[in-house]
């Protein structure tokens, strides 16, 4: 059973209205688009962190998950589970709440978002593994540190690549 289009539109309008309600105190500091990105991204980061922590601590009991053809560390599985979930939610929030002025076709945005997602996932994995192996940080704390770096990179990628406004429409 799917979500109907009118319900989806109402939901995105409600999310946008709630975020915009809290914007006025920040008006002189950051743009509305950046504020919306911070709010949506912050919610998505919290969701991803909760999934990562839940999978790491409560779902996976062993240090290594053996899939038969490959063995993965438990933090790698937790990262994969959280990433898949926040991919879809993040795309929808960015497309329909944050970067609404983008004139790129939805399929182009989704493909670019996927490329950005894969790049960020690789950066996340390398930094996470590095902090765990070389600095002996607990995986949950390492994930928090890595998230700061990845979110910053992601904002610029989304603004200037995934959801950019093409030059042709700016001049019209």
Foldseek 3Di string as FASTA:
>chain_A
DDDDPVRLLVVLVVLQVVQVVPCVVCVVPDPSLVSLLCVQVVVLVVQLLVQLVCQLPPVDDDQWDCPPVDIHGSSLVSNVVSLVVSLVSVLCSCPRRRLVQFPDDPVQLNVLSVVLSVVLSVQLVVQLVCCCVVVVDDSSVSSVVSCVVSSVVSVVSCDPPRRDHDPVVVVD
